[in-house]
N, C-alpha and C. Protein backbone atom coordinates (compact mmCIF):
# COMPACT_ATOMS: atom_id res chain seq x y z
N MET A 1 -3.28 -18.51 -2.46
CA MET A 1 -3.58 -18.96 -1.01
C MET A 1 -5.01 -19.05 -1.09
N GLU A 2 -5.47 -20.05 -0.09
CA GLU A 2 -7.11 -20.27 -0.27
C GLU A 2 -7.48 -19.14 0.77
N ILE A 3 -8.87 -18.13 0.74
CA ILE A 3 -9.61 -17.40 1.31
C ILE A 3 -9.76 -17.96 3.00
N VAL A 4 -9.70 -19.08 3.28
CA VAL A 4 -10.00 -19.32 4.65
C VAL A 4 -8.82 -19.24 4.97
N GLU A 5 -7.75 -19.67 4.44
CA GLU A 5 -6.64 -19.54 4.97
C GLU A 5 -5.99 -18.42 4.74
N ALA A 6 -6.15 -17.55 4.31
CA ALA A 6 -5.77 -15.46 4.46
C ALA A 6 -6.86 -15.12 5.29
N VAL A 7 -8.02 -15.10 5.90
CA VAL A 7 -9.07 -15.11 7.12
C VAL A 7 -8.13 -15.52 8.34
N ARG A 8 -7.88 -16.84 8.38
CA ARG A 8 -7.48 -17.24 9.70
C ARG A 8 -6.10 -16.51 10.22
N THR A 9 -4.90 -16.66 8.60
CA THR A 9 -3.86 -16.05 8.92
C THR A 9 -3.60 -14.59 9.00
N ARG A 10 -4.70 -13.64 8.93
CA ARG A 10 -4.42 -12.17 8.69
C ARG A 10 -3.69 -11.59 10.24
N ARG A 11 -3.45 -10.39 10.30
CA ARG A 11 -3.04 -10.08 11.41
C ARG A 11 -2.67 -8.61 10.83
N GLY A 12 -2.99 -7.89 11.79
CA GLY A 12 -2.72 -6.43 11.76
C GLY A 12 -1.16 -5.67 12.18
N VAL A 13 -0.83 -4.69 11.60
CA VAL A 13 0.40 -4.54 12.02
C VAL A 13 0.36 -3.19 12.03
N ARG A 14 1.09 -3.06 13.43
CA ARG A 14 0.78 -1.54 14.65
C ARG A 14 2.50 -0.90 14.32
N LYS A 15 3.93 -1.76 13.92
CA LYS A 15 5.07 -1.46 13.92
C LYS A 15 5.33 -1.20 12.79
N TYR A 16 6.15 -0.77 11.93
CA TYR A 16 6.66 -0.59 11.05
C TYR A 16 8.43 -0.16 11.06
N LYS A 17 8.89 -0.88 10.25
CA LYS A 17 10.60 -0.34 10.23
C LYS A 17 10.79 0.84 9.64
N SER A 18 11.93 1.76 10.34
CA SER A 18 12.07 2.84 9.56
C SER A 18 13.09 3.02 8.23
N ASP A 19 13.40 1.74 7.89
CA ASP A 19 14.03 1.82 6.67
C ASP A 19 13.14 2.71 5.40
N ARG A 20 14.18 3.08 4.42
CA ARG A 20 13.25 3.53 3.48
C ARG A 20 13.32 2.45 2.36
N LEU A 21 11.86 2.51 1.77
CA LEU A 21 11.70 1.52 0.42
C LEU A 21 13.05 2.33 -0.58
N PRO A 22 13.79 1.57 -1.73
CA PRO A 22 14.32 1.78 -2.55
C PRO A 22 13.26 2.89 -3.98
N GLU A 23 13.30 3.81 -4.37
CA GLU A 23 12.24 4.37 -5.21
C GLU A 23 12.05 3.46 -6.39
N GLN A 24 12.94 2.72 -6.80
CA GLN A 24 12.54 1.29 -7.89
C GLN A 24 11.24 0.77 -7.01
N THR A 25 11.24 -0.01 -6.46
CA THR A 25 10.73 -0.90 -5.28
C THR A 25 8.96 0.12 -5.40
N ILE A 26 9.20 1.48 -4.86
CA ILE A 26 7.81 2.43 -4.65
C ILE A 26 7.39 2.40 -6.48
N ARG A 27 8.32 2.61 -7.21
CA ARG A 27 7.31 2.84 -8.52
C ARG A 27 6.52 1.10 -8.98
N GLU A 28 7.44 0.26 -8.52
CA GLU A 28 7.02 -1.12 -9.15
C GLU A 28 5.56 -1.64 -8.34
N LEU A 29 5.37 -0.98 -6.96
CA LEU A 29 4.25 -0.91 -6.06
C LEU A 29 3.04 0.01 -6.72
N ILE A 30 3.58 0.77 -6.99
CA ILE A 30 2.18 2.03 -7.81
C ILE A 30 1.81 1.14 -9.24
N THR A 31 2.92 1.01 -9.55
CA THR A 31 2.41 0.08 -11.14
C THR A 31 1.72 -1.15 -11.17
N LEU A 32 1.99 -1.95 -9.89
CA LEU A 32 1.14 -2.89 -9.56
C LEU A 32 -0.28 -2.52 -8.95
N ALA A 33 -0.14 -1.74 -8.51
CA ALA A 33 -1.66 -1.40 -7.86
C ALA A 33 -2.32 -0.78 -9.15
N THR A 34 -1.59 0.15 -9.85
CA THR A 34 -2.87 0.38 -11.19
C THR A 34 -3.76 -0.73 -11.89
N TRP A 35 -3.18 -1.95 -11.78
CA TRP A 35 -3.92 -3.49 -12.16
C TRP A 35 -5.33 -3.76 -11.54
N ALA A 36 -5.29 -3.49 -10.21
CA ALA A 36 -6.01 -3.67 -9.15
C ALA A 36 -7.22 -3.53 -10.53
N PRO A 37 -8.49 -4.22 -9.86
CA PRO A 37 -9.86 -4.33 -10.75
C PRO A 37 -10.36 -2.78 -9.99
N SER A 38 -11.57 -1.77 -11.38
CA SER A 38 -12.12 -0.80 -10.78
C SER A 38 -13.50 -1.32 -11.46
N ALA A 39 -14.55 -0.49 -10.85
CA ALA A 39 -15.81 -0.84 -10.57
C ALA A 39 -16.00 0.08 -12.65
N MET A 40 -16.50 -1.02 -13.08
CA MET A 40 -16.60 -0.72 -14.85
C MET A 40 -15.46 -0.11 -15.57
N ASN A 41 -13.90 -0.26 -14.92
CA ASN A 41 -12.76 0.08 -15.51
C ASN A 41 -12.66 1.74 -15.55
N HIS A 42 -13.04 1.94 -14.58
CA HIS A 42 -12.89 3.67 -14.52
C HIS A 42 -11.62 4.03 -14.10
N GLN A 43 -10.92 2.92 -13.34
CA GLN A 43 -9.27 3.69 -13.05
C GLN A 43 -9.35 4.63 -12.12
N PRO A 44 -10.02 5.16 -11.29
CA PRO A 44 -9.96 6.54 -10.34
C PRO A 44 -8.78 6.69 -9.38
N TRP A 45 -8.05 5.69 -9.81
CA TRP A 45 -6.74 6.15 -8.67
C TRP A 45 -6.05 7.48 -8.55
N ILE A 46 -5.46 7.71 -7.40
CA ILE A 46 -4.55 8.33 -7.15
C ILE A 46 -3.77 8.18 -5.97
N PHE A 47 -2.29 8.39 -6.33
CA PHE A 47 -1.89 7.56 -5.24
C PHE A 47 -0.66 8.89 -4.94
N ALA A 48 -0.51 8.71 -3.57
CA ALA A 48 0.53 9.63 -2.98
C ALA A 48 1.62 8.62 -2.19
N VAL A 49 2.70 9.04 -2.16
CA VAL A 49 4.00 8.64 -1.60
C VAL A 49 4.20 9.58 -0.54
N VAL A 50 4.18 9.85 0.43
CA VAL A 50 4.47 10.38 1.65
C VAL A 50 6.04 9.93 2.57
N GLU A 51 6.89 10.24 2.72
CA GLU A 51 8.20 9.96 3.14
C GLU A 51 8.16 10.42 4.56
N ASN A 52 7.71 11.97 4.53
CA ASN A 52 8.20 12.88 5.71
C ASN A 52 7.34 12.53 6.76
N LYS A 53 8.05 11.94 7.96
CA LYS A 53 7.53 11.54 8.91
C LYS A 53 6.65 12.25 9.98
N ASP A 54 7.28 13.63 10.15
CA ASP A 54 6.61 14.77 10.54
C ASP A 54 5.10 15.19 10.06
N PHE A 55 5.13 14.66 8.77
CA PHE A 55 3.86 15.15 7.92
C PHE A 55 2.53 14.15 8.50
N LEU A 56 3.39 12.62 8.35
CA LEU A 56 2.28 11.54 8.81
C LEU A 56 2.24 11.61 10.04
N LYS A 57 2.82 12.60 11.31
CA LYS A 57 2.41 11.92 12.13
C LYS A 57 1.47 13.40 12.64
N LYS A 58 1.26 14.41 12.31
CA LYS A 58 0.46 15.38 12.16
C LYS A 58 -0.95 15.09 11.54
N ASN A 59 -0.76 14.23 10.19
CA ASN A 59 -2.17 14.30 9.25
C ASN A 59 -2.71 12.73 9.42
N ILE A 60 -2.34 12.08 10.08
CA ILE A 60 -2.71 10.57 10.29
C ILE A 60 -3.24 10.06 11.38
């Protein structure tokens, strides 16, 4: 995708589905996220998967 197209077609999402993601999908997303570049290859990532909706409402 061209950068101009990406900027012009971007959108914010404020409504999410209530469906749970399969655990395998979550694991794959975390694995892919670790491939993101980091400054000087320090790889300072910490990932947290929060599925408790009450916790999210109180803390975000």
